[in-house]
Amino acid sequence: MDVRADDRLTLRHSGPDEALQMREQLVPIYAETHVHLLDQPWYSPDDWWSRLAEIYSKTRDFDLVTAWTGDHCVGYAFGSPRDDEDLWPQIHAVFPDLMPTGPVYIFREFAVTPAHQRRGHGAAIHDELMRDRPEQAAHLLVRDDNTPALAAYRRWGWVTAGSKRPFPDSPTFAAMALNLRIRSRP
């Protein structure tokens, strides 16, 4: 586990094994940040945890960044690189200077408890997960009605690149891309 801290927030990196030991910390954050969507099956905390445990954590180079104030987890983000070339057409359309080859970093999930939002914690978690990524580009999916998230991602350099429905039972999401070669944030 890699740890970075400042006077308010401690950021920790975890691989898949450690991430799967953090259900008690992560699921409540997910539920609290998705409370208005919990009546929809896709957003069920149990289904979310199943996707994390059975799909996402098994991907190559899975990385989870958690944010802590004292011994209380207040946010997380996770992702992993993906070799599949199907994302490059969307990414290349918004970043034509990138060569459409190689893996893309998938920024899969991100949440900060409402009590800790608007304090810079989200940016710190995001930046820590994206720090020193070797890929040319990153890709994420976000609800197109999630105005605060869309605004934050745009501030952090993400560009809307279309839409995508990742699973047959999922909603369609806005797709965003980040050029990791010109990214000015740390």
N, C-alpha and C. Protein backbone atom coordinates (compact mmCIF):
# COMPACT_ATOMS: atom_id res chain seq x y z
N MET A 1 0.84 -1.17 0.00
CA MET A 1 0.00 0.00 0.00
C MET A 1 0.89 1.24 0.00
N ASP A 2 0.68 2.11 -0.97
CA ASP A 2 1.38 3.38 -1.07
C ASP A 2 0.52 4.43 -0.38
N VAL A 3 1.10 5.30 0.43
CA VAL A 3 0.34 6.30 1.17
C VAL A 3 0.91 7.68 0.87
N ARG A 4 0.02 8.64 0.59
CA ARG A 4 0.38 10.05 0.45
C ARG A 4 -0.54 10.80 1.39
N ALA A 5 -0.01 11.77 2.10
CA ALA A 5 -0.84 12.49 3.07
C ALA A 5 -0.54 13.97 3.05
N ASP A 6 -1.54 14.75 3.41
CA ASP A 6 -1.32 16.15 3.75
C ASP A 6 -1.93 16.34 5.14
N ASP A 7 -2.09 17.58 5.57
CA ASP A 7 -2.54 17.79 6.94
C ASP A 7 -4.01 17.42 7.17
N ARG A 8 -4.79 17.21 6.12
CA ARG A 8 -6.20 16.90 6.29
C ARG A 8 -6.58 15.53 5.77
N LEU A 9 -5.89 15.05 4.78
CA LEU A 9 -6.35 13.90 4.01
C LEU A 9 -5.19 12.94 3.78
N THR A 10 -5.44 11.66 3.94
CA THR A 10 -4.46 10.64 3.62
C THR A 10 -4.99 9.84 2.44
N LEU A 11 -4.17 9.67 1.42
CA LEU A 11 -4.54 8.91 0.23
C LEU A 11 -3.77 7.60 0.23
N ARG A 12 -4.49 6.49 -0.01
CA ARG A 12 -3.87 5.17 0.01
C ARG A 12 -4.17 4.43 -1.28
N HIS A 13 -3.15 3.82 -1.84
CA HIS A 13 -3.32 2.93 -3.00
C HIS A 13 -3.50 1.51 -2.50
N SER A 14 -4.41 0.78 -3.14
CA SER A 14 -4.62 -0.63 -2.81
C SER A 14 -4.80 -1.41 -4.09
N GLY A 15 -4.25 -2.60 -4.11
CA GLY A 15 -4.48 -3.53 -5.20
C GLY A 15 -5.77 -4.30 -4.96
N PRO A 16 -6.05 -5.28 -5.81
CA PRO A 16 -7.33 -5.98 -5.72
C PRO A 16 -7.55 -6.72 -4.41
N ASP A 17 -6.56 -7.39 -3.88
CA ASP A 17 -6.76 -8.16 -2.66
C ASP A 17 -7.15 -7.26 -1.49
N GLU A 18 -6.43 -6.17 -1.33
CA GLU A 18 -6.75 -5.25 -0.25
C GLU A 18 -8.08 -4.55 -0.50
N ALA A 19 -8.36 -4.20 -1.75
CA ALA A 19 -9.63 -3.55 -2.08
C ALA A 19 -10.82 -4.42 -1.67
N LEU A 20 -10.71 -5.71 -1.90
CA LEU A 20 -11.82 -6.60 -1.58
C LEU A 20 -12.00 -6.79 -0.07
N GLN A 21 -11.05 -6.34 0.72
CA GLN A 21 -11.19 -6.36 2.17
C GLN A 21 -11.85 -5.08 2.70
N MET A 22 -12.20 -4.15 1.79
CA MET A 22 -12.70 -2.84 2.19
C MET A 22 -14.19 -2.64 1.93
N ARG A 23 -14.94 -3.73 1.82
CA ARG A 23 -16.37 -3.62 1.55
C ARG A 23 -17.06 -2.71 2.58
N GLU A 24 -16.74 -2.87 3.86
CA GLU A 24 -17.40 -2.09 4.91
C GLU A 24 -17.14 -0.59 4.78
N GLN A 25 -16.03 -0.22 4.16
CA GLN A 25 -15.73 1.20 3.97
C GLN A 25 -16.31 1.73 2.66
N LEU A 26 -16.24 0.93 1.59
CA LEU A 26 -16.60 1.42 0.26
C LEU A 26 -18.10 1.41 -0.01
N VAL A 27 -18.79 0.35 0.37
CA VAL A 27 -20.22 0.25 0.05
C VAL A 27 -21.03 1.40 0.67
N PRO A 28 -20.80 1.78 1.93
CA PRO A 28 -21.56 2.92 2.46
C PRO A 28 -21.32 4.22 1.70
N ILE A 29 -20.10 4.44 1.23
CA ILE A 29 -19.83 5.65 0.44
C ILE A 29 -20.60 5.58 -0.87
N TYR A 30 -20.54 4.42 -1.53
CA TYR A 30 -21.30 4.25 -2.77
C TYR A 30 -22.78 4.52 -2.52
N ALA A 31 -23.36 3.90 -1.49
CA ALA A 31 -24.79 4.05 -1.22
C ALA A 31 -25.14 5.50 -0.90
N GLU A 32 -24.31 6.17 -0.12
CA GLU A 32 -24.58 7.56 0.25
C GLU A 32 -24.52 8.49 -0.95
N THR A 33 -23.63 8.22 -1.88
CA THR A 33 -23.50 9.10 -3.05
C THR A 33 -24.45 8.73 -4.18
N HIS A 34 -25.15 7.62 -4.04
CA HIS A 34 -26.11 7.19 -5.06
C HIS A 34 -27.52 7.03 -4.47
N VAL A 35 -27.78 7.65 -3.33
CA VAL A 35 -29.04 7.44 -2.61
C VAL A 35 -30.26 7.72 -3.49
N HIS A 36 -30.20 8.70 -4.34
CA HIS A 36 -31.33 9.06 -5.19
C HIS A 36 -31.52 8.08 -6.36
N LEU A 37 -30.62 7.12 -6.52
CA LEU A 37 -30.70 6.15 -7.62
C LEU A 37 -30.89 4.72 -7.14
N LEU A 38 -30.95 4.51 -5.84
CA LEU A 38 -30.94 3.15 -5.31
C LEU A 38 -32.20 2.35 -5.65
N ASP A 39 -33.25 3.01 -6.12
CA ASP A 39 -34.44 2.27 -6.54
C ASP A 39 -34.27 1.65 -7.93
N GLN A 40 -33.19 1.98 -8.61
CA GLN A 40 -32.90 1.41 -9.93
C GLN A 40 -31.93 0.24 -9.76
N PRO A 41 -32.24 -0.92 -10.33
CA PRO A 41 -31.41 -2.12 -10.10
C PRO A 41 -29.92 -1.92 -10.40
N TRP A 42 -29.57 -1.19 -11.44
CA TRP A 42 -28.16 -1.02 -11.79
C TRP A 42 -27.37 -0.41 -10.64
N TYR A 43 -28.02 0.44 -9.85
CA TYR A 43 -27.34 1.17 -8.79
C TYR A 43 -27.41 0.50 -7.42
N SER A 44 -27.91 -0.71 -7.35
CA SER A 44 -27.94 -1.45 -6.09
C SER A 44 -26.52 -1.59 -5.54
N PRO A 45 -26.31 -1.26 -4.25
CA PRO A 45 -24.97 -1.42 -3.67
C PRO A 45 -24.43 -2.84 -3.78
N ASP A 46 -25.30 -3.84 -3.63
CA ASP A 46 -24.83 -5.23 -3.76
C ASP A 46 -24.39 -5.53 -5.18
N ASP A 47 -25.14 -5.04 -6.17
CA ASP A 47 -24.73 -5.25 -7.57
C ASP A 47 -23.44 -4.49 -7.88
N TRP A 48 -23.31 -3.28 -7.33
CA TRP A 48 -22.08 -2.52 -7.52
C TRP A 48 -20.89 -3.29 -6.95
N TRP A 49 -21.05 -3.81 -5.73
CA TRP A 49 -19.95 -4.56 -5.12
C TRP A 49 -19.63 -5.80 -5.94
N SER A 50 -20.66 -6.47 -6.46
CA SER A 50 -20.42 -7.65 -7.30
C SER A 50 -19.61 -7.29 -8.54
N ARG A 51 -19.93 -6.15 -9.17
CA ARG A 51 -19.14 -5.73 -10.34
C ARG A 51 -17.69 -5.46 -9.94
N LEU A 52 -17.51 -4.80 -8.79
CA LEU A 52 -16.15 -4.53 -8.32
C LEU A 52 -15.40 -5.84 -8.05
N ALA A 53 -16.04 -6.76 -7.34
CA ALA A 53 -15.37 -8.00 -6.94
C ALA A 53 -15.17 -8.97 -8.09
N GLU A 54 -16.16 -9.07 -8.97
CA GLU A 54 -16.13 -10.12 -10.00
C GLU A 54 -15.58 -9.65 -11.34
N ILE A 55 -15.58 -8.35 -11.59
CA ILE A 55 -15.11 -7.85 -12.88
C ILE A 55 -13.92 -6.91 -12.71
N TYR A 56 -14.15 -5.76 -12.09
CA TYR A 56 -13.16 -4.70 -12.08
C TYR A 56 -11.88 -5.08 -11.34
N SER A 57 -12.00 -5.69 -10.16
CA SER A 57 -10.79 -6.01 -9.39
C SER A 57 -9.94 -7.08 -10.05
N LYS A 58 -10.50 -7.78 -11.00
CA LYS A 58 -9.75 -8.85 -11.68
C LYS A 58 -9.01 -8.35 -12.91
N THR A 59 -9.15 -7.07 -13.21
CA THR A 59 -8.48 -6.53 -14.38
C THR A 59 -7.00 -6.29 -14.08
N ARG A 60 -6.22 -6.28 -15.13
CA ARG A 60 -4.78 -6.06 -15.02
C ARG A 60 -4.48 -4.70 -14.40
N ASP A 61 -3.57 -4.69 -13.46
CA ASP A 61 -3.10 -3.45 -12.82
C ASP A 61 -4.21 -2.64 -12.17
N PHE A 62 -5.22 -3.32 -11.63
CA PHE A 62 -6.28 -2.64 -10.88
C PHE A 62 -5.66 -1.81 -9.76
N ASP A 63 -6.14 -0.58 -9.61
CA ASP A 63 -5.65 0.31 -8.55
C ASP A 63 -6.84 1.02 -7.93
N LEU A 64 -6.90 1.00 -6.61
CA LEU A 64 -7.90 1.71 -5.84
C LEU A 64 -7.18 2.77 -5.02
N VAL A 65 -7.67 4.00 -5.09
CA VAL A 65 -7.19 5.06 -4.21
C VAL A 65 -8.32 5.39 -3.25
N THR A 66 -8.04 5.32 -1.96
CA THR A 66 -9.01 5.72 -0.95
C THR A 66 -8.50 6.96 -0.24
N ALA A 67 -9.45 7.78 0.21
CA ALA A 67 -9.12 9.01 0.94
C ALA A 67 -9.62 8.85 2.38
N TRP A 68 -8.76 9.20 3.31
CA TRP A 68 -9.06 9.01 4.72
C TRP A 68 -8.86 10.31 5.49
N THR A 69 -9.77 10.59 6.41
CA THR A 69 -9.56 11.61 7.42
C THR A 69 -9.53 10.84 8.74
N GLY A 70 -8.38 10.78 9.34
CA GLY A 70 -8.21 9.91 10.50
C GLY A 70 -8.40 8.47 10.08
N ASP A 71 -9.29 7.76 10.76
CA ASP A 71 -9.55 6.36 10.40
C ASP A 71 -10.86 6.20 9.64
N HIS A 72 -11.37 7.30 9.07
CA HIS A 72 -12.65 7.29 8.36
C HIS A 72 -12.41 7.47 6.85
N CYS A 73 -12.85 6.49 6.07
CA CYS A 73 -12.74 6.59 4.61
C CYS A 73 -13.82 7.53 4.10
N VAL A 74 -13.41 8.54 3.33
CA VAL A 74 -14.35 9.56 2.85
C VAL A 74 -14.50 9.59 1.34
N GLY A 75 -13.75 8.76 0.63
CA GLY A 75 -13.87 8.74 -0.82
C GLY A 75 -12.97 7.70 -1.43
N TYR A 76 -13.22 7.44 -2.71
CA TYR A 76 -12.43 6.44 -3.43
C TYR A 76 -12.52 6.69 -4.93
N ALA A 77 -11.58 6.12 -5.63
CA ALA A 77 -11.63 6.03 -7.09
C ALA A 77 -10.83 4.79 -7.47
N PHE A 78 -11.24 4.13 -8.54
CA PHE A 78 -10.46 2.99 -9.00
C PHE A 78 -10.54 2.86 -10.51
N GLY A 79 -9.57 2.14 -11.04
CA GLY A 79 -9.52 1.91 -12.47
C GLY A 79 -8.42 0.95 -12.81
N SER A 80 -8.26 0.76 -14.12
CA SER A 80 -7.23 -0.14 -14.63
C SER A 80 -7.08 0.09 -16.13
N PRO A 81 -5.93 -0.26 -16.68
CA PRO A 81 -5.76 -0.14 -18.12
C PRO A 81 -6.53 -1.23 -18.86
N ARG A 82 -6.88 -0.93 -20.09
CA ARG A 82 -7.59 -1.89 -20.93
C ARG A 82 -6.94 -1.89 -22.30
N ASP A 83 -6.68 -3.07 -22.82
CA ASP A 83 -6.02 -3.20 -24.12
C ASP A 83 -6.98 -3.15 -25.30
N ASP A 84 -8.26 -3.34 -25.06
CA ASP A 84 -9.24 -3.38 -26.13
C ASP A 84 -9.23 -2.07 -26.91
N GLU A 85 -9.20 -2.17 -28.22
CA GLU A 85 -9.07 -0.99 -29.09
C GLU A 85 -10.40 -0.28 -29.37
N ASP A 86 -11.54 -0.78 -28.86
CA ASP A 86 -12.82 -0.21 -29.23
C ASP A 86 -13.05 1.21 -28.71
N LEU A 87 -12.26 1.68 -27.76
CA LEU A 87 -12.41 3.03 -27.23
C LEU A 87 -11.68 4.08 -28.06
N TRP A 88 -10.71 3.65 -28.84
CA TRP A 88 -9.89 4.62 -29.57
C TRP A 88 -10.65 5.49 -30.56
N PRO A 89 -11.67 5.00 -31.26
CA PRO A 89 -12.39 5.92 -32.16
C PRO A 89 -12.97 7.13 -31.43
N GLN A 90 -13.59 6.92 -30.25
CA GLN A 90 -14.11 8.05 -29.48
C GLN A 90 -12.99 8.97 -29.02
N ILE A 91 -11.93 8.39 -28.51
CA ILE A 91 -10.82 9.20 -27.99
C ILE A 91 -10.12 9.96 -29.11
N HIS A 92 -9.86 9.28 -30.21
CA HIS A 92 -9.16 9.91 -31.33
C HIS A 92 -9.99 11.04 -31.94
N ALA A 93 -11.32 10.93 -31.86
CA ALA A 93 -12.17 12.00 -32.40
C ALA A 93 -11.98 13.31 -31.63
N VAL A 94 -11.71 13.24 -30.34
CA VAL A 94 -11.53 14.47 -29.55
C VAL A 94 -10.06 14.83 -29.34
N PHE A 95 -9.18 13.85 -29.53
CA PHE A 95 -7.74 14.09 -29.41
C PHE A 95 -7.04 13.51 -30.64
N PRO A 96 -7.19 14.17 -31.81
CA PRO A 96 -6.65 13.60 -33.04
C PRO A 96 -5.12 13.50 -33.07
N ASP A 97 -4.43 14.20 -32.20
CA ASP A 97 -2.96 14.11 -32.18
C ASP A 97 -2.44 12.83 -31.52
N LEU A 98 -3.31 12.13 -30.82
CA LEU A 98 -2.88 10.87 -30.19
C LEU A 98 -2.91 9.75 -31.21
N MET A 99 -1.93 8.88 -31.14
CA MET A 99 -1.90 7.69 -31.99
C MET A 99 -2.91 6.69 -31.43
N PRO A 100 -3.87 6.26 -32.22
CA PRO A 100 -4.92 5.38 -31.70
C PRO A 100 -4.46 3.93 -31.51
N THR A 101 -3.48 3.75 -30.66
CA THR A 101 -2.96 2.41 -30.36
C THR A 101 -2.59 2.33 -28.89
N GLY A 102 -2.52 1.13 -28.40
CA GLY A 102 -2.09 0.90 -27.03
C GLY A 102 -3.23 0.91 -26.04
N PRO A 103 -2.92 0.58 -24.80
CA PRO A 103 -3.96 0.53 -23.78
C PRO A 103 -4.50 1.91 -23.44
N VAL A 104 -5.72 1.91 -22.92
CA VAL A 104 -6.39 3.11 -22.44
C VAL A 104 -6.66 2.89 -20.95
N TYR A 105 -6.42 3.91 -20.13
CA TYR A 105 -6.72 3.77 -18.71
C TYR A 105 -8.21 4.00 -18.50
N ILE A 106 -8.87 3.06 -17.85
CA ILE A 106 -10.30 3.17 -17.58
C ILE A 106 -10.47 3.67 -16.15
N PHE A 107 -10.97 4.88 -16.03
CA PHE A 107 -11.30 5.48 -14.74
C PHE A 107 -12.71 5.00 -14.42
N ARG A 108 -12.82 3.93 -13.64
CA ARG A 108 -14.08 3.20 -13.52
C ARG A 108 -15.07 3.78 -12.53
N GLU A 109 -14.62 4.21 -11.40
CA GLU A 109 -15.57 4.59 -10.35
C GLU A 109 -14.93 5.65 -9.47
N PHE A 110 -15.78 6.55 -8.97
CA PHE A 110 -15.29 7.68 -8.20
C PHE A 110 -16.41 8.17 -7.30
N ALA A 111 -16.13 8.37 -6.02
CA ALA A 111 -17.14 8.91 -5.11
C ALA A 111 -16.47 9.55 -3.90
N VAL A 112 -17.07 10.62 -3.43
CA VAL A 112 -16.66 11.30 -2.20
C VAL A 112 -17.93 11.53 -1.39
N THR A 113 -17.89 11.20 -0.10
CA THR A 113 -19.08 11.40 0.73
C THR A 113 -19.54 12.85 0.64
N PRO A 114 -20.86 13.08 0.64
CA PRO A 114 -21.35 14.46 0.54
C PRO A 114 -20.75 15.40 1.59
N ALA A 115 -20.53 14.91 2.80
CA ALA A 115 -19.97 15.76 3.86
C ALA A 115 -18.54 16.21 3.56
N HIS A 116 -17.87 15.54 2.62
CA HIS A 116 -16.48 15.88 2.30
C HIS A 116 -16.32 16.42 0.88
N GLN A 117 -17.43 16.71 0.23
CA GLN A 117 -17.36 17.29 -1.11
C GLN A 117 -17.07 18.79 -1.01
N ARG A 118 -16.59 19.34 -2.10
CA ARG A 118 -16.26 20.76 -2.22
C ARG A 118 -15.14 21.19 -1.26
N ARG A 119 -14.23 20.28 -0.98
CA ARG A 119 -13.07 20.57 -0.14
C ARG A 119 -11.77 20.26 -0.88
N GLY A 120 -11.87 19.88 -2.14
CA GLY A 120 -10.68 19.50 -2.89
C GLY A 120 -10.32 18.04 -2.77
N HIS A 121 -11.10 17.28 -1.99
CA HIS A 121 -10.80 15.86 -1.80
C HIS A 121 -10.98 15.08 -3.11
N GLY A 122 -12.03 15.42 -3.86
CA GLY A 122 -12.26 14.73 -5.13
C GLY A 122 -11.09 14.92 -6.09
N ALA A 123 -10.62 16.16 -6.20
CA ALA A 123 -9.47 16.43 -7.08
C ALA A 123 -8.23 15.67 -6.60
N ALA A 124 -8.04 15.62 -5.29
CA ALA A 124 -6.87 14.91 -4.76
C ALA A 124 -6.93 13.42 -5.07
N ILE A 125 -8.10 12.82 -4.89
CA ILE A 125 -8.27 11.39 -5.20
C ILE A 125 -8.05 11.15 -6.69
N HIS A 126 -8.72 11.94 -7.52
CA HIS A 126 -8.59 11.82 -8.98
C HIS A 126 -7.14 11.93 -9.40
N ASP A 127 -6.47 12.98 -8.93
CA ASP A 127 -5.09 13.22 -9.35
C ASP A 127 -4.16 12.10 -8.89
N GLU A 128 -4.41 11.57 -7.71
CA GLU A 128 -3.56 10.49 -7.22
C GLU A 128 -3.74 9.23 -8.06
N LEU A 129 -4.97 8.92 -8.43
CA LEU A 129 -5.20 7.73 -9.27
C LEU A 129 -4.58 7.92 -10.66
N MET A 130 -4.62 9.13 -11.19
CA MET A 130 -4.13 9.39 -12.54
C MET A 130 -2.63 9.71 -12.58
N ARG A 131 -2.01 9.90 -11.45
CA ARG A 131 -0.60 10.28 -11.37
C ARG A 131 0.28 9.24 -12.07
N ASP A 132 1.17 9.71 -12.93
CA ASP A 132 2.19 8.87 -13.58
C ASP A 132 1.64 7.73 -14.42
N ARG A 133 0.45 7.88 -14.96
CA ARG A 133 -0.11 6.84 -15.82
C ARG A 133 0.72 6.77 -17.10
N PRO A 134 1.09 5.58 -17.55
CA PRO A 134 1.90 5.46 -18.76
C PRO A 134 1.08 5.48 -20.05
N GLU A 135 -0.24 5.32 -19.95
CA GLU A 135 -1.08 5.29 -21.15
C GLU A 135 -1.17 6.68 -21.78
N GLN A 136 -1.54 6.71 -23.05
CA GLN A 136 -1.73 7.99 -23.74
C GLN A 136 -3.00 8.70 -23.30
N ALA A 137 -4.04 7.91 -23.01
CA ALA A 137 -5.36 8.48 -22.75
C ALA A 137 -6.09 7.68 -21.68
N ALA A 138 -7.07 8.35 -21.09
CA ALA A 138 -7.96 7.71 -20.12
C ALA A 138 -9.40 7.91 -20.60
N HIS A 139 -10.27 7.04 -20.13
CA HIS A 139 -11.67 7.05 -20.54
C HIS A 139 -12.52 6.81 -19.30
N LEU A 140 -13.66 7.48 -19.23
CA LEU A 140 -14.60 7.24 -18.14
C LEU A 140 -16.02 7.36 -18.67
N LEU A 141 -16.94 6.83 -17.88
CA LEU A 141 -18.37 6.94 -18.15
C LEU A 141 -19.01 7.62 -16.95
N VAL A 142 -19.93 8.54 -17.22
CA VAL A 142 -20.60 9.29 -16.16
C VAL A 142 -22.04 9.52 -16.58
N ARG A 143 -22.95 9.52 -15.60
CA ARG A 143 -24.35 9.81 -15.92
C ARG A 143 -24.42 11.20 -16.55
N ASP A 144 -25.14 11.30 -17.65
CA ASP A 144 -25.20 12.60 -18.34
C ASP A 144 -26.02 13.63 -17.57
N ASP A 145 -26.76 13.21 -16.53
CA ASP A 145 -27.49 14.16 -15.70
C ASP A 145 -26.73 14.52 -14.42
N ASN A 146 -25.52 14.02 -14.27
CA ASN A 146 -24.71 14.29 -13.09
C ASN A 146 -23.88 15.55 -13.33
N THR A 147 -24.55 16.68 -13.26
CA THR A 147 -23.94 17.97 -13.58
C THR A 147 -22.70 18.27 -12.74
N PRO A 148 -22.73 18.06 -11.42
CA PRO A 148 -21.51 18.34 -10.64
C PRO A 148 -20.32 17.49 -11.08
N ALA A 149 -20.55 16.21 -11.35
CA ALA A 149 -19.43 15.35 -11.78
C ALA A 149 -18.91 15.79 -13.15
N LEU A 150 -19.82 16.07 -14.07
CA LEU A 150 -19.39 16.52 -15.40
C LEU A 150 -18.55 17.79 -15.30
N ALA A 151 -18.98 18.72 -14.46
CA ALA A 151 -18.23 19.97 -14.29
C ALA A 151 -16.85 19.71 -13.69
N ALA A 152 -16.79 18.83 -12.69
CA ALA A 152 -15.49 18.51 -12.08
C ALA A 152 -14.57 17.86 -13.10
N TYR A 153 -15.06 16.88 -13.83
CA TYR A 153 -14.22 16.21 -14.82
C TYR A 153 -13.71 17.21 -15.86
N ARG A 154 -14.56 18.12 -16.29
CA ARG A 154 -14.11 19.12 -17.27
C ARG A 154 -13.02 20.01 -16.68
N ARG A 155 -13.17 20.40 -15.42
CA ARG A 155 -12.11 21.20 -14.77
C ARG A 155 -10.79 20.45 -14.74
N TRP A 156 -10.87 19.13 -14.64
CA TRP A 156 -9.67 18.30 -14.54
C TRP A 156 -9.15 17.88 -15.91
N GLY A 157 -9.72 18.42 -16.99
CA GLY A 157 -9.19 18.19 -18.33
C GLY A 157 -9.91 17.17 -19.18
N TRP A 158 -10.96 16.56 -18.66
CA TRP A 158 -11.71 15.57 -19.43
C TRP A 158 -12.58 16.27 -20.47
N VAL A 159 -12.80 15.60 -21.60
CA VAL A 159 -13.58 16.12 -22.71
C VAL A 159 -14.66 15.10 -23.05
N THR A 160 -15.87 15.57 -23.30
CA THR A 160 -16.95 14.66 -23.71
C THR A 160 -16.60 14.05 -25.06
N ALA A 161 -16.76 12.72 -25.14
CA ALA A 161 -16.35 11.99 -26.35
C ALA A 161 -17.46 11.10 -26.89
N GLY A 162 -18.69 11.33 -26.49
CA GLY A 162 -19.80 10.51 -26.99
C GLY A 162 -20.57 9.88 -25.86
N SER A 163 -21.12 8.70 -26.13
CA SER A 163 -21.88 7.98 -25.11
C SER A 163 -21.61 6.49 -25.25
N LYS A 164 -21.96 5.74 -24.20
CA LYS A 164 -21.68 4.31 -24.22
C LYS A 164 -22.60 3.61 -23.22
N ARG A 165 -23.03 2.42 -23.60
CA ARG A 165 -23.78 1.54 -22.70
C ARG A 165 -22.91 0.31 -22.46
N PRO A 166 -22.23 0.24 -21.29
CA PRO A 166 -21.22 -0.79 -21.09
C PRO A 166 -21.75 -2.20 -20.85
N PHE A 167 -22.96 -2.33 -20.35
CA PHE A 167 -23.55 -3.64 -20.07
C PHE A 167 -25.00 -3.62 -20.55
N PRO A 168 -25.55 -4.77 -20.91
CA PRO A 168 -26.94 -4.80 -21.37
C PRO A 168 -27.94 -4.26 -20.34
N ASP A 169 -27.65 -4.41 -19.05
CA ASP A 169 -28.58 -3.95 -18.02
C ASP A 169 -28.22 -2.58 -17.45
N SER A 170 -27.26 -1.91 -18.06
CA SER A 170 -26.85 -0.60 -17.54
C SER A 170 -27.52 0.52 -18.33
N PRO A 171 -27.57 1.70 -17.74
CA PRO A 171 -28.00 2.87 -18.51
C PRO A 171 -26.93 3.26 -19.52
N THR A 172 -27.29 4.16 -20.41
CA THR A 172 -26.31 4.75 -21.32
C THR A 172 -25.68 5.93 -20.59
N PHE A 173 -24.37 6.03 -20.67
CA PHE A 173 -23.62 7.06 -19.97
C PHE A 173 -22.94 7.99 -20.97
N ALA A 174 -22.63 9.21 -20.52
CA ALA A 174 -21.76 10.08 -21.28
C ALA A 174 -20.35 9.52 -21.18
N ALA A 175 -19.64 9.47 -22.29
CA ALA A 175 -18.25 9.02 -22.31
C ALA A 175 -17.35 10.25 -22.34
N MET A 176 -16.28 10.20 -21.55
CA MET A 176 -15.32 11.30 -21.52
C MET A 176 -13.92 10.74 -21.68
N ALA A 177 -13.04 11.56 -22.23
CA ALA A 177 -11.66 11.15 -22.46
C ALA A 177 -10.72 12.21 -21.90
N LEU A 178 -9.54 11.74 -21.51
CA LEU A 178 -8.50 12.61 -20.97
C LEU A 178 -7.20 12.30 -21.69
N ASN A 179 -6.59 13.33 -22.25
CA ASN A 179 -5.28 13.18 -22.89
C ASN A 179 -4.23 13.20 -21.79
N LEU A 180 -3.64 12.06 -21.51
CA LEU A 180 -2.65 11.97 -20.44
C LEU A 180 -1.30 12.54 -20.84
N ARG A 181 -1.11 12.83 -22.11
CA ARG A 181 0.16 13.39 -22.58
C ARG A 181 0.24 14.90 -22.37
N ILE A 182 -0.89 15.58 -22.34
CA ILE A 182 -0.87 17.04 -22.18
C ILE A 182 -1.45 17.48 -20.85
N ARG A 183 -1.76 16.55 -20.02
CA ARG A 183 -2.39 16.85 -18.75
C ARG A 183 -1.48 17.73 -17.89
N SER A 184 -2.01 18.84 -17.42
CA SER A 184 -1.19 19.78 -16.65
C SER A 184 -1.29 19.55 -15.15
N ARG A 185 -2.27 18.80 -14.71
CA ARG A 185 -2.40 18.54 -13.27
C ARG A 185 -1.38 17.50 -12.86
N PRO A 186 -0.95 17.51 -11.58
CA PRO A 186 0.06 16.53 -11.14
C PRO A 186 -0.46 15.11 -11.19
